[in-house]
Amino acid sequence: MSGMNDNVDLLVGCPHCGSTQVRHVRTALKYERHEWRRVKCDKCGCYGPIAKTEVEAKTAWNMRAPNLIAENRRLRDELKELHAAVADYACGRKH
């Protein structure tokens, strides 16, 4: 049976810095016995939403709306590189 969590081990990049250096971590909140789960970016230190299980934490991280912002930044940078390559080619310069 296929579901939303089939690829839960595949974490999307950080919504703040775009890094793919993200991982699942356990968090013990002060005065609580329960250990919570969330995803952390090792590059900028951003944390995802707190959840009860690893699967819930990873799903919440992957579904955060700001992920589109990081993806848009990446695509914009890639597009700039392509424009520069096309301009160089059109002017007879080769990479």
N, C-alpha and C. Protein backbone atom coordinates (compact mmCIF):
# COMPACT_ATOMS: atom_id res chain seq x y z
N MET A 1 0.84 -1.18 0.00
CA MET A 1 0.00 0.00 0.00
C MET A 1 0.88 1.23 0.00
N SER A 2 0.63 2.13 -0.90
CA SER A 2 1.45 3.32 -1.00
C SER A 2 0.81 4.45 -0.20
N GLY A 3 1.65 5.26 0.43
CA GLY A 3 1.13 6.35 1.24
C GLY A 3 2.07 7.52 1.25
N MET A 4 1.70 8.54 2.02
CA MET A 4 2.48 9.76 2.09
C MET A 4 3.87 9.54 2.68
N ASN A 5 4.02 8.55 3.54
CA ASN A 5 5.27 8.35 4.25
C ASN A 5 6.19 7.34 3.58
N ASP A 6 5.90 6.94 2.34
CA ASP A 6 6.73 5.95 1.65
C ASP A 6 8.18 6.40 1.56
N ASN A 7 8.43 7.68 1.32
CA ASN A 7 9.78 8.19 1.16
C ASN A 7 10.18 9.08 2.33
N VAL A 8 9.75 8.73 3.53
CA VAL A 8 10.00 9.59 4.68
C VAL A 8 11.49 9.72 5.00
N ASP A 9 12.32 8.76 4.58
CA ASP A 9 13.75 8.87 4.83
C ASP A 9 14.42 9.90 3.93
N LEU A 10 13.74 10.33 2.89
CA LEU A 10 14.27 11.36 2.00
C LEU A 10 13.84 12.72 2.52
N LEU A 11 14.74 13.43 3.17
CA LEU A 11 14.42 14.74 3.72
C LEU A 11 14.76 15.84 2.71
N VAL A 12 13.85 16.77 2.54
CA VAL A 12 14.10 17.89 1.64
C VAL A 12 15.08 18.85 2.32
N GLY A 13 15.67 19.73 1.53
CA GLY A 13 16.64 20.68 2.05
C GLY A 13 16.05 21.67 3.03
N CYS A 14 16.92 22.37 3.72
CA CYS A 14 16.52 23.35 4.72
C CYS A 14 15.76 24.50 4.06
N PRO A 15 14.63 24.91 4.64
CA PRO A 15 13.86 26.00 4.05
C PRO A 15 14.52 27.36 4.24
N HIS A 16 15.53 27.45 5.10
CA HIS A 16 16.17 28.73 5.35
C HIS A 16 17.46 28.92 4.56
N CYS A 17 18.28 27.86 4.52
CA CYS A 17 19.57 28.01 3.83
C CYS A 17 19.70 27.12 2.60
N GLY A 18 18.77 26.17 2.42
CA GLY A 18 18.80 25.29 1.26
C GLY A 18 19.72 24.09 1.40
N SER A 19 20.42 23.97 2.52
CA SER A 19 21.36 22.87 2.73
C SER A 19 20.62 21.53 2.77
N THR A 20 21.30 20.49 2.31
CA THR A 20 20.76 19.15 2.40
C THR A 20 21.37 18.39 3.59
N GLN A 21 22.13 19.09 4.41
CA GLN A 21 22.73 18.50 5.61
C GLN A 21 21.72 18.56 6.75
N VAL A 22 20.64 17.79 6.61
CA VAL A 22 19.57 17.77 7.61
C VAL A 22 19.43 16.36 8.16
N ARG A 23 19.02 16.26 9.43
CA ARG A 23 18.92 14.95 10.05
C ARG A 23 17.86 14.95 11.14
N HIS A 24 17.41 13.76 11.47
CA HIS A 24 16.43 13.55 12.55
C HIS A 24 17.17 13.62 13.89
N VAL A 25 16.60 14.32 14.87
CA VAL A 25 17.19 14.39 16.21
C VAL A 25 16.11 14.15 17.26
N ARG A 26 16.54 13.73 18.42
CA ARG A 26 15.63 13.56 19.56
C ARG A 26 15.78 14.75 20.48
N THR A 27 14.69 15.20 21.05
CA THR A 27 14.70 16.36 21.92
C THR A 27 13.96 16.04 23.21
N ALA A 28 14.60 16.27 24.32
CA ALA A 28 13.94 16.11 25.62
C ALA A 28 13.64 17.50 26.16
N LEU A 29 12.38 17.84 26.23
CA LEU A 29 12.00 19.15 26.74
C LEU A 29 12.07 19.16 28.26
N LYS A 30 12.48 20.27 28.82
CA LYS A 30 12.62 20.39 30.27
C LYS A 30 11.30 20.08 30.96
N TYR A 31 11.36 19.36 32.05
CA TYR A 31 10.21 18.99 32.87
C TYR A 31 9.26 18.00 32.20
N GLU A 32 9.69 17.35 31.14
CA GLU A 32 8.86 16.34 30.49
C GLU A 32 9.63 15.03 30.42
N ARG A 33 8.93 13.95 30.60
CA ARG A 33 9.57 12.63 30.52
C ARG A 33 9.62 12.12 29.09
N HIS A 34 8.72 12.59 28.25
CA HIS A 34 8.65 12.11 26.87
C HIS A 34 9.77 12.71 26.03
N GLU A 35 10.35 11.90 25.18
CA GLU A 35 11.37 12.36 24.25
C GLU A 35 10.70 12.69 22.92
N TRP A 36 10.85 13.90 22.45
CA TRP A 36 10.23 14.36 21.21
C TRP A 36 11.20 14.19 20.05
N ARG A 37 10.68 14.28 18.85
CA ARG A 37 11.48 14.14 17.63
C ARG A 37 11.32 15.39 16.77
N ARG A 38 12.38 15.69 16.03
CA ARG A 38 12.31 16.75 15.02
C ARG A 38 13.51 16.65 14.11
N VAL A 39 13.52 17.47 13.07
CA VAL A 39 14.61 17.47 12.09
C VAL A 39 15.41 18.75 12.29
N LYS A 40 16.72 18.64 12.15
CA LYS A 40 17.61 19.79 12.33
C LYS A 40 18.51 19.96 11.12
N CYS A 41 18.75 21.20 10.74
CA CYS A 41 19.72 21.51 9.70
C CYS A 41 21.08 21.70 10.38
N ASP A 42 22.07 20.91 9.97
CA ASP A 42 23.40 21.01 10.57
C ASP A 42 24.17 22.23 10.09
N LYS A 43 23.73 22.84 8.99
CA LYS A 43 24.45 24.00 8.48
C LYS A 43 24.05 25.28 9.20
N CYS A 44 22.74 25.56 9.28
CA CYS A 44 22.30 26.84 9.87
C CYS A 44 21.65 26.68 11.25
N GLY A 45 21.40 25.43 11.67
CA GLY A 45 20.83 25.20 12.99
C GLY A 45 19.32 25.28 13.08
N CYS A 46 18.66 25.43 11.95
CA CYS A 46 17.19 25.49 11.91
C CYS A 46 16.59 24.17 12.38
N TYR A 47 15.54 24.25 13.18
CA TYR A 47 14.82 23.05 13.62
C TYR A 47 13.43 23.02 12.99
N GLY A 48 12.96 21.81 12.72
CA GLY A 48 11.60 21.63 12.24
C GLY A 48 10.63 21.50 13.40
N PRO A 49 9.37 21.30 13.08
CA PRO A 49 8.35 21.15 14.11
C PRO A 49 8.61 19.94 15.01
N ILE A 50 8.22 20.04 16.26
CA ILE A 50 8.35 18.94 17.21
C ILE A 50 7.21 17.95 16.97
N ALA A 51 7.55 16.66 17.03
CA ALA A 51 6.56 15.60 16.80
C ALA A 51 6.77 14.46 17.78
N LYS A 52 5.79 13.58 17.83
CA LYS A 52 5.86 12.44 18.75
C LYS A 52 6.73 11.31 18.21
N THR A 53 6.78 11.15 16.89
CA THR A 53 7.53 10.06 16.29
C THR A 53 8.48 10.59 15.23
N GLU A 54 9.45 9.76 14.86
CA GLU A 54 10.41 10.13 13.82
C GLU A 54 9.69 10.35 12.48
N VAL A 55 8.75 9.47 12.15
CA VAL A 55 8.02 9.58 10.89
C VAL A 55 7.23 10.90 10.85
N GLU A 56 6.58 11.25 11.95
CA GLU A 56 5.81 12.50 12.01
C GLU A 56 6.74 13.72 11.87
N ALA A 57 7.91 13.65 12.50
CA ALA A 57 8.86 14.76 12.42
C ALA A 57 9.37 14.96 11.00
N LYS A 58 9.73 13.85 10.35
CA LYS A 58 10.23 13.94 8.98
C LYS A 58 9.15 14.39 8.01
N THR A 59 7.93 13.90 8.19
CA THR A 59 6.82 14.31 7.33
C THR A 59 6.53 15.80 7.50
N ALA A 60 6.54 16.27 8.75
CA ALA A 60 6.29 17.69 9.02
C ALA A 60 7.37 18.56 8.38
N TRP A 61 8.63 18.13 8.48
CA TRP A 61 9.74 18.87 7.87
C TRP A 61 9.56 18.96 6.36
N ASN A 62 9.24 17.84 5.74
CA ASN A 62 9.11 17.79 4.29
C ASN A 62 7.90 18.57 3.77
N MET A 63 6.93 18.83 4.62
CA MET A 63 5.71 19.50 4.17
C MET A 63 5.70 20.99 4.50
N ARG A 64 6.77 21.53 5.02
CA ARG A 64 6.81 22.94 5.39
C ARG A 64 6.76 23.80 4.14
N ALA A 65 5.89 24.77 4.11
CA ALA A 65 5.71 25.65 2.95
C ALA A 65 6.99 26.38 2.55
N PRO A 66 7.81 26.87 3.48
CA PRO A 66 9.01 27.60 3.08
C PRO A 66 9.99 26.80 2.24
N ASN A 67 9.83 25.48 2.13
CA ASN A 67 10.71 24.70 1.27
C ASN A 67 10.69 25.24 -0.16
N LEU A 68 9.57 25.78 -0.56
CA LEU A 68 9.47 26.34 -1.91
C LEU A 68 10.38 27.55 -2.07
N ILE A 69 10.60 28.30 -1.01
CA ILE A 69 11.48 29.46 -1.07
C ILE A 69 12.90 29.02 -1.38
N ALA A 70 13.39 28.02 -0.66
CA ALA A 70 14.75 27.52 -0.90
C ALA A 70 14.87 26.94 -2.31
N GLU A 71 13.85 26.21 -2.74
CA GLU A 71 13.87 25.63 -4.09
C GLU A 71 13.85 26.73 -5.13
N ASN A 72 13.06 27.78 -4.92
CA ASN A 72 13.04 28.90 -5.86
C ASN A 72 14.39 29.58 -5.95
N ARG A 73 15.07 29.73 -4.81
CA ARG A 73 16.42 30.32 -4.80
C ARG A 73 17.37 29.48 -5.63
N ARG A 74 17.32 28.16 -5.41
CA ARG A 74 18.20 27.25 -6.14
C ARG A 74 17.94 27.33 -7.64
N LEU A 75 16.65 27.32 -8.02
CA LEU A 75 16.30 27.39 -9.44
C LEU A 75 16.69 28.73 -10.05
N ARG A 76 16.53 29.82 -9.30
CA ARG A 76 16.91 31.14 -9.80
C ARG A 76 18.41 31.20 -10.05
N ASP A 77 19.21 30.65 -9.13
CA ASP A 77 20.66 30.63 -9.31
C ASP A 77 21.06 29.79 -10.52
N GLU A 78 20.39 28.65 -10.67
CA GLU A 78 20.67 27.79 -11.81
C GLU A 78 20.31 28.50 -13.12
N LEU A 79 19.20 29.22 -13.12
CA LEU A 79 18.77 29.95 -14.31
C LEU A 79 19.77 31.06 -14.68
N LYS A 80 20.31 31.74 -13.67
CA LYS A 80 21.33 32.77 -13.93
C LYS A 80 22.55 32.17 -14.60
N GLU A 81 22.97 30.99 -14.13
CA GLU A 81 24.11 30.32 -14.73
C GLU A 81 23.83 29.95 -16.18
N LEU A 82 22.62 29.46 -16.44
CA LEU A 82 22.24 29.11 -17.81
C LEU A 82 22.21 30.34 -18.72
N HIS A 83 21.67 31.44 -18.22
CA HIS A 83 21.64 32.68 -19.00
C HIS A 83 23.06 33.14 -19.35
N ALA A 84 23.96 33.05 -18.38
CA ALA A 84 25.35 33.45 -18.63
C ALA A 84 26.00 32.54 -19.66
N ALA A 85 25.74 31.25 -19.58
CA ALA A 85 26.31 30.31 -20.55
C ALA A 85 25.78 30.57 -21.95
N VAL A 86 24.49 30.85 -22.05
CA VAL A 86 23.89 31.15 -23.36
C VAL A 86 24.48 32.44 -23.92
N ALA A 87 24.61 33.46 -23.08
CA ALA A 87 25.19 34.73 -23.53
C ALA A 87 26.62 34.54 -24.00
N ASP A 88 27.40 33.76 -23.26
CA ASP A 88 28.78 33.48 -23.66
C ASP A 88 28.82 32.74 -25.00
N TYR A 89 27.95 31.77 -25.17
CA TYR A 89 27.90 31.01 -26.40
C TYR A 89 27.52 31.90 -27.57
N ALA A 90 26.53 32.77 -27.35
CA ALA A 90 26.06 33.66 -28.41
C ALA A 90 27.15 34.65 -28.84
N CYS A 91 28.02 35.00 -27.90
CA CYS A 91 29.10 35.93 -28.20
C CYS A 91 30.37 35.23 -28.68
N GLY A 92 30.31 33.92 -28.80
CA GLY A 92 31.46 33.17 -29.28
C GLY A 92 32.44 32.77 -28.22
N ARG A 93 32.12 33.05 -26.94
CA ARG A 93 32.99 32.63 -25.85
C ARG A 93 32.58 31.23 -25.44
N LYS A 94 33.56 30.40 -25.15
CA LYS A 94 33.26 29.02 -24.74
C LYS A 94 33.69 28.82 -23.30
N HIS A 95 33.00 27.93 -22.62
CA HIS A 95 33.35 27.60 -21.23
C HIS A 95 34.34 26.48 -21.20
